[in-house]
Amino acid sequence: MKQLAIIWHSMTGGSEALAQAAYAGAARGQGVKVLMLNAAEADAEHMLAADGYLFVFPENLAAISGGMKSFFDRCYYPCLGALNGRPYAMIVCAGSDGRNAVAQAERIATGWRLRQIAPSVIVCTQAQTQQEILAAKIIDSHHLSAAAELGEQMATGLQMGIY
């Protein structure tokens, strides 16, 4: 059975909500085991066991959030050369931009020789003040639906052998 790993990190709930929506979408499919792994708990063994990946995390200070960066740091070298060609997609929850975090993570995926199956998604919350940045995030239904569709697309593609 194919396996999809949704690896996520969240600081104020936005990325977690997006990861949960993607999980719900992926779980609609048949014949694919879907794992939702917090980046703090995910490791190289999870990466090596999965057939595809959905990375969901916040941008923090114009970069990959620390929790997600720690995951990439722990797993990069143990997985180097072993993931070639496996599919991935990415959702970044950002306050205003998100492009730098996407660029950083896409460089890591390129180093792993992963195959991007959809453009990286940036969900912008428009949080600009200290209070807004630190507040719990509520993601609108449009973005949650899009995350669910991406999860379903990944699971279906794995199950059908497209990816």
C-alpha atoms as a PDB file:
ATOM      1  CA  MET A   1       0.000   0.000   0.000  1.00  0.00           C
ATOM      2  CA  LYS A   2       1.300   3.441  -0.930  1.00  0.00           C
ATOM      3  CA  GLN A   3       1.934   5.901   1.890  1.00  0.00           C
ATOM      4  CA  LEU A   4       1.500   9.692   1.961  1.00  0.00           C
ATOM      5  CA  ALA A   5       3.197  11.610   4.787  1.00  0.00           C
ATOM      6  CA  ILE A   6       1.735  14.991   5.687  1.00  0.00           C
ATOM      7  CA  ILE A   7       4.476  16.621   7.738  1.00  0.00           C
ATOM      8  CA  TRP A   8       3.451  19.826   9.441  1.00  0.00           C
ATOM      9  CA  HIS A   9       4.504  22.447  11.935  1.00  0.00           C
ATOM     10  CA  SER A  10       2.275  25.148  13.373  1.00  0.00           C
ATOM     11  CA  MET A  11       2.778  27.978  15.797  1.00  0.00           C
ATOM     12  CA  THR A  12      -0.649  29.625  15.914  1.00  0.00           C
ATOM     13  CA  GLY A  13      -2.901  26.953  14.435  1.00  0.00           C
ATOM     14  CA  GLY A  14      -3.122  28.058  10.807  1.00  0.00           C
ATOM     15  CA  SER A  15      -0.742  25.484   9.388  1.00  0.00           C
ATOM     16  CA  GLU A  16      -2.227  22.768  11.579  1.00  0.00           C
ATOM     17  CA  ALA A  17      -5.728  23.549  10.242  1.00  0.00           C
ATOM     18  CA  LEU A  18      -4.405  23.381   6.673  1.00  0.00           C
ATOM     19  CA  ALA A  19      -2.647  20.066   7.387  1.00  0.00           C
ATOM     20  CA  GLN A  20      -5.818  18.628   8.933  1.00  0.00           C
ATOM     21  CA  ALA A  21      -7.831  19.700   5.879  1.00  0.00           C
ATOM     22  CA  ALA A  22      -5.249  18.078   3.581  1.00  0.00           C
ATOM     23  CA  TYR A  23      -5.406  14.920   5.689  1.00  0.00           C
ATOM     24  CA  ALA A  24      -9.212  14.826   5.443  1.00  0.00           C
ATOM     25  CA  GLY A  25      -8.972  15.194   1.670  1.00  0.00           C
ATOM     26  CA  ALA A  26      -6.299  12.514   1.355  1.00  0.00           C
ATOM     27  CA  ALA A  27      -8.291  10.148   3.568  1.00  0.00           C
ATOM     28  CA  ARG A  28     -11.199  10.254   1.081  1.00  0.00           C
ATOM     29  CA  GLY A  29      -9.144   8.107  -1.252  1.00  0.00           C
ATOM     30  CA  GLN A  30      -8.724   4.357  -1.109  1.00  0.00           C
ATOM     31  CA  GLY A  31      -5.555   2.300  -1.142  1.00  0.00           C
ATOM     32  CA  VAL A  32      -3.232   4.910   0.377  1.00  0.00           C
ATOM     33  CA  LYS A  33      -2.109   5.054   3.987  1.00  0.00           C
ATOM     34  CA  VAL A  34      -2.068   8.701   5.091  1.00  0.00           C
ATOM     35  CA  LEU A  35       0.099   9.750   8.028  1.00  0.00           C
ATOM     36  CA  MET A  36      -0.179  13.180   9.622  1.00  0.00           C
ATOM     37  CA  LEU A  37       3.109  13.810  11.425  1.00  0.00           C
ATOM     38  CA  ASN A  38       4.081  16.795  13.508  1.00  0.00           C
ATOM     39  CA  ALA A  39       7.518  17.932  12.329  1.00  0.00           C
ATOM     40  CA  ALA A  40       8.828  17.530  15.902  1.00  0.00           C
ATOM     41  CA  GLU A  41       8.005  13.802  15.766  1.00  0.00           C
ATOM     42  CA  ALA A  42       8.751  13.030  12.117  1.00  0.00           C
ATOM     43  CA  ASP A  43      12.127  11.529  11.291  1.00  0.00           C
ATOM     44  CA  ALA A  44      14.156  10.034   8.459  1.00  0.00           C
ATOM     45  CA  GLU A  45      12.456   6.656   8.880  1.00  0.00           C
ATOM     46  CA  HIS A  46       9.091   8.277   8.171  1.00  0.00           C
ATOM     47  CA  MET A  47      10.527   9.946   5.085  1.00  0.00           C
ATOM     48  CA  LEU A  48      12.084   6.734   3.802  1.00  0.00           C
ATOM     49  CA  ALA A  49       8.855   4.765   4.379  1.00  0.00           C
ATOM     50  CA  ALA A  50       6.599   7.243   2.557  1.00  0.00           C
ATOM     51  CA  ASP A  51       5.957   7.326  -1.165  1.00  0.00           C
ATOM     52  CA  GLY A  52       4.971  11.020  -1.253  1.00  0.00           C
ATOM     53  CA  TYR A  53       5.015  14.096   0.955  1.00  0.00           C
ATOM     54  CA  LEU A  54       2.932  17.139   1.737  1.00  0.00           C
ATOM     55  CA  PHE A  55       4.839  19.714   3.791  1.00  0.00           C
ATOM     56  CA  VAL A  56       2.693  22.268   5.662  1.00  0.00           C
ATOM     57  CA  PHE A  57       4.278  24.960   7.810  1.00  0.00           C
ATOM     58  CA  PRO A  58       4.284  28.666   8.654  1.00  0.00           C
ATOM     59  CA  GLU A  59       6.659  31.288   7.481  1.00  0.00           C
ATOM     60  CA  ASN A  60       8.463  32.854  10.423  1.00  0.00           C
ATOM     61  CA  LEU A  61      10.574  35.981   9.975  1.00  0.00           C
ATOM     62  CA  ALA A  62      10.617  35.490   6.184  1.00  0.00           C
ATOM     63  CA  ALA A  63      11.910  31.919   6.512  1.00  0.00           C
ATOM     64  CA  ILE A  64      10.887  28.324   7.161  1.00  0.00           C
ATOM     65  CA  SER A  65       9.547  28.102  10.711  1.00  0.00           C
ATOM     66  CA  GLY A  66      12.051  26.794  13.239  1.00  0.00           C
ATOM     67  CA  GLY A  67      10.169  23.557  13.935  1.00  0.00           C
ATOM     68  CA  MET A  68      10.005  22.670  10.262  1.00  0.00           C
ATOM     69  CA  LYS A  69      13.612  23.714   9.702  1.00  0.00           C
ATOM     70  CA  SER A  70      14.638  21.402  12.534  1.00  0.00           C
ATOM     71  CA  PHE A  71      12.818  18.529  10.808  1.00  0.00           C
ATOM     72  CA  PHE A  72      14.588  19.255   7.510  1.00  0.00           C
ATOM     73  CA  ASP A  73      17.936  19.525   9.327  1.00  0.00           C
ATOM     74  CA  ARG A  74      17.457  16.155  11.096  1.00  0.00           C
ATOM     75  CA  CYS A  75      16.334  14.328   7.968  1.00  0.00           C
ATOM     76  CA  TYR A  76      18.301  15.895   5.134  1.00  0.00           C
ATOM     77  CA  TYR A  77      21.504  13.855   5.182  1.00  0.00           C
ATOM     78  CA  PRO A  78      20.010  10.510   6.280  1.00  0.00           C
ATOM     79  CA  CYS A  79      17.593  10.754   3.315  1.00  0.00           C
ATOM     80  CA  LEU A  80      19.979  12.215   0.737  1.00  0.00           C
ATOM     81  CA  GLY A  81      20.015  10.041  -2.373  1.00  0.00           C
ATOM     82  CA  ALA A  82      17.171   7.821  -1.146  1.00  0.00           C
ATOM     83  CA  LEU A  83      14.089   9.869  -2.089  1.00  0.00           C
ATOM     84  CA  ASN A  84      14.836  10.590  -5.737  1.00  0.00           C
ATOM     85  CA  GLY A  85      11.721  11.133  -7.847  1.00  0.00           C
ATOM     86  CA  ARG A  86       9.183  10.882  -5.042  1.00  0.00           C
ATOM     87  CA  PRO A  87       6.354  13.445  -5.299  1.00  0.00           C
ATOM     88  CA  TYR A  88       5.798  16.355  -2.961  1.00  0.00           C
ATOM     89  CA  ALA A  89       3.702  19.463  -2.544  1.00  0.00           C
ATOM     90  CA  MET A  90       3.821  22.292  -0.035  1.00  0.00           C
ATOM     91  CA  ILE A  91       1.495  24.695   1.783  1.00  0.00           C
ATOM     92  CA  VAL A  92       2.932  27.696   3.628  1.00  0.00           C
ATOM     93  CA  CYS A  93       0.865  29.830   5.994  1.00  0.00           C
ATOM     94  CA  ALA A  94       2.314  33.345   5.943  1.00  0.00           C
ATOM     95  CA  GLY A  95       1.522  36.722   7.445  1.00  0.00           C
ATOM     96  CA  SER A  96       2.329  38.790   4.404  1.00  0.00           C
ATOM     97  CA  ASP A  97       4.492  37.066   1.812  1.00  0.00           C
ATOM     98  CA  GLY A  98       5.750  33.492   2.206  1.00  0.00           C
ATOM     99  CA  ARG A  99       7.887  33.405  -0.930  1.00  0.00           C
ATOM    100  CA  ASN A 100      11.221  33.135   0.874  1.00  0.00           C
ATOM    101  CA  ALA A 101      10.033  30.213   3.009  1.00  0.00           C
ATOM    102  CA  VAL A 102       8.766  28.490  -0.146  1.00  0.00           C
ATOM    103  CA  ALA A 103      12.077  29.119  -1.928  1.00  0.00           C
ATOM    104  CA  GLN A 104      14.047  27.679   1.000  1.00  0.00           C
ATOM    105  CA  ALA A 105      11.912  24.547   1.241  1.00  0.00           C
ATOM    106  CA  GLU A 106      11.895  24.034  -2.524  1.00  0.00           C
ATOM    107  CA  ARG A 107      15.716  24.121  -2.481  1.00  0.00           C
ATOM    108  CA  ILE A 108      15.708  21.387   0.161  1.00  0.00           C
ATOM    109  CA  ALA A 109      13.264  19.325  -1.924  1.00  0.00           C
ATOM    110  CA  THR A 110      15.492  19.855  -4.970  1.00  0.00           C
ATOM    111  CA  GLY A 111      18.480  18.577  -2.997  1.00  0.00           C
ATOM    112  CA  TRP A 112      16.486  15.453  -2.134  1.00  0.00           C
ATOM    113  CA  ARG A 113      15.578  15.181  -5.845  1.00  0.00           C
ATOM    114  CA  LEU A 114      11.863  15.184  -4.990  1.00  0.00           C
ATOM    115  CA  ARG A 115       9.384  15.845  -7.793  1.00  0.00           C
ATOM    116  CA  GLN A 116       7.024  18.776  -7.244  1.00  0.00           C
ATOM    117  CA  ILE A 117       3.520  17.758  -8.383  1.00  0.00           C
ATOM    118  CA  ALA A 118       1.739  21.092  -7.790  1.00  0.00           C
ATOM    119  CA  PRO A 119       2.803  24.700  -7.348  1.00  0.00           C
ATOM    120  CA  SER A 120       3.565  25.591  -3.739  1.00  0.00           C
ATOM    121  CA  VAL A 121       0.578  27.205  -2.049  1.00  0.00           C
ATOM    122  CA  ILE A 122       0.930  30.312   0.105  1.00  0.00           C
ATOM    123  CA  VAL A 123      -1.993  31.118   2.384  1.00  0.00           C
ATOM    124  CA  CYS A 124      -1.595  34.737   3.473  1.00  0.00           C
ATOM    125  CA  THR A 125      -3.277  35.694   6.750  1.00  0.00           C
ATOM    126  CA  GLN A 126      -2.362  39.400   6.488  1.00  0.00           C
ATOM    127  CA  ALA A 127      -1.130  39.334  10.102  1.00  0.00           C
ATOM    128  CA  GLN A 128       1.062  42.417  10.437  1.00  0.00           C
ATOM    129  CA  THR A 129       0.950  43.590  14.039  1.00  0.00           C
ATOM    130  CA  GLN A 130       2.436  41.786  17.027  1.00  0.00           C
ATOM    131  CA  GLN A 131      -1.057  41.005  18.299  1.00  0.00           C
ATOM    132  CA  GLU A 132      -2.214  39.645  14.912  1.00  0.00           C
ATOM    133  CA  ILE A 133       0.963  37.613  14.404  1.00  0.00           C
ATOM    134  CA  LEU A 134       0.700  35.934  17.816  1.00  0.00           C
ATOM    135  CA  ALA A 135      -3.074  35.354  17.649  1.00  0.00           C
ATOM    136  CA  ALA A 136      -4.608  31.993  16.816  1.00  0.00           C
ATOM    137  CA  LYS A 137      -5.207  31.802  13.071  1.00  0.00           C
ATOM    138  CA  ILE A 138      -8.568  31.043  11.510  1.00  0.00           C
ATOM    139  CA  ILE A 139      -8.193  29.800   7.938  1.00  0.00           C
ATOM    140  CA  ASP A 140     -11.106  30.537   5.617  1.00  0.00           C
ATOM    141  CA  SER A 141     -13.122  27.760   4.015  1.00  0.00           C
ATOM    142  CA  HIS A 142     -11.741  28.510   0.538  1.00  0.00           C
ATOM    143  CA  HIS A 143      -8.164  27.778   1.636  1.00  0.00           C
ATOM    144  CA  LEU A 144      -9.194  24.758   3.712  1.00  0.00           C
ATOM    145  CA  SER A 145     -11.036  23.328   0.699  1.00  0.00           C
ATOM    146  CA  ALA A 146      -7.991  23.917  -1.502  1.00  0.00           C
ATOM    147  CA  ALA A 147      -5.792  22.107   1.050  1.00  0.00           C
ATOM    148  CA  ALA A 148      -8.251  19.190   1.109  1.00  0.00           C
ATOM    149  CA  GLU A 149      -8.202  19.035  -2.691  1.00  0.00           C
ATOM    150  CA  LEU A 150      -4.405  18.983  -2.714  1.00  0.00           C
ATOM    151  CA  GLY A 151      -4.374  16.155  -0.161  1.00  0.00           C
ATOM    152  CA  GLU A 152      -6.884  14.203  -2.213  1.00  0.00           C
ATOM    153  CA  GLN A 153      -4.918  14.854  -5.415  1.00  0.00           C
ATOM    154  CA  MET A 154      -1.731  13.532  -3.844  1.00  0.00           C
ATOM    155  CA  ALA A 155      -3.377  10.409  -2.421  1.00  0.00           C
ATOM    156  CA  THR A 156      -5.220   9.671  -5.656  1.00  0.00           C
ATOM    157  CA  GLY A 157      -2.090  10.190  -7.737  1.00  0.00           C
ATOM    158  CA  LEU A 158      -0.130   7.822  -5.509  1.00  0.00           C
ATOM    159  CA  GLN A 159      -2.882   5.212  -5.575  1.00  0.00           C
ATOM    160  CA  MET A 160      -3.183   5.371  -9.377  1.00  0.00           C
ATOM    161  CA  GLY A 161       0.576   5.258  -9.902  1.00  0.00           C
ATOM    162  CA  ILE A 162       0.634   8.703 -11.547  1.00  0.00           C
ATOM    163  CA  TYR A 163       3.225   9.899  -9.051  1.00  0.00           C
END
